[in-house]
Amino acid sequence: MSAPNALQATPRDLDVLRDVAMAAADAAAAVIRAHRGAGATVDWQLKGRVDYVSIVDTAAEERIAQVVSERLPDARVIGEELSPGDAAGAGITFVVDPLDGTTNFLHGFPEYAVSVAALIDREPAVGVVVNVPHGSRWTAVAGRGATLDGQPVRVSEISDPARSLIGTGFPFKYPEQIERYLRELPRIMQATAGIRRAGAAALDLCAVAGGRFDAFWEHSLEPWDFAAGALLVREAGGVITDLRGQPLPLARSGIIAGNPRMHEWMLSTLSS
């Protein structure tokens, strides 16, 4: 399979990428489910400040790489655990988080996922997020919209902040960002119906795409955290940018996502 970029990819190219991404995500989810409930006995490794990795993360990413290599031998895989320093380039690249919400998984908190994005020449073409505890699958294909278990989804139509439910992520890895975050929190809290923090950014972005959250913001996410979810938000009619309103880079970035009106309000409120 070859295509110049995601915008010019043929329908068949996109079908192939979607099928491979779904198969890879499903395979990783099966690995994770096989270890469900074993958090107390699984070996945890500290890879950064309060940031853990387990053998389940690495086994799930190895399974993703195996599925991709079997079906698309020329494709590259960039994953959180096995190849975080690699960069996407020309051709097909899969950007994956094999277990988004590792701490949740290790504690038995049922909010964790597999996130798989397929890029063509660095342009997002397919995004798949599998909610492992619930067994649901979110899928987006460039130009074709977003679905949850095959049913189309759209962002919410709420435009009044007072009626909105907002998702967020704490800057737990980067203590230097906590002070700024704590200045932002009251602005959003006092103007909205509620704020939620579940601990898996890929699923937070799915919640935006499906209209469950009206907006979401977080200060520092890696590409594997948001690559699939960002496409889901866009294909569901939403807007996602960095914290300055600029297009997301394929690099660590802060994020604001939401339906168009709520994204505009969040951007203005957070930058004031």
Foldseek 3Di string as FASTA:
>chain_A
DWDQFQVGDDPVVLVLVQVLQVVLFVQLLVLLVVCFPVLVPWDWDDPAQVDIDTVSQVVSVVSSVVSCCVSPVPEAEDEPPPHVPDDDAAAKYKYWRSKFQVVCRSVVNQFIWIWIFITHRNHTAKIWIASNVVRWIWIFGVPPFIDINPHGAAADPDQQQQAFEEEEEAPSRDVVCNVLVVVLVVLSDVRHVYYDYDRQQLVRLVCRLRHVGQKYWYFWDALNSPVRSQRSQVRNQKDKDFLQRHHDDNGITIMMIHHHNVSVVSSVSSVD
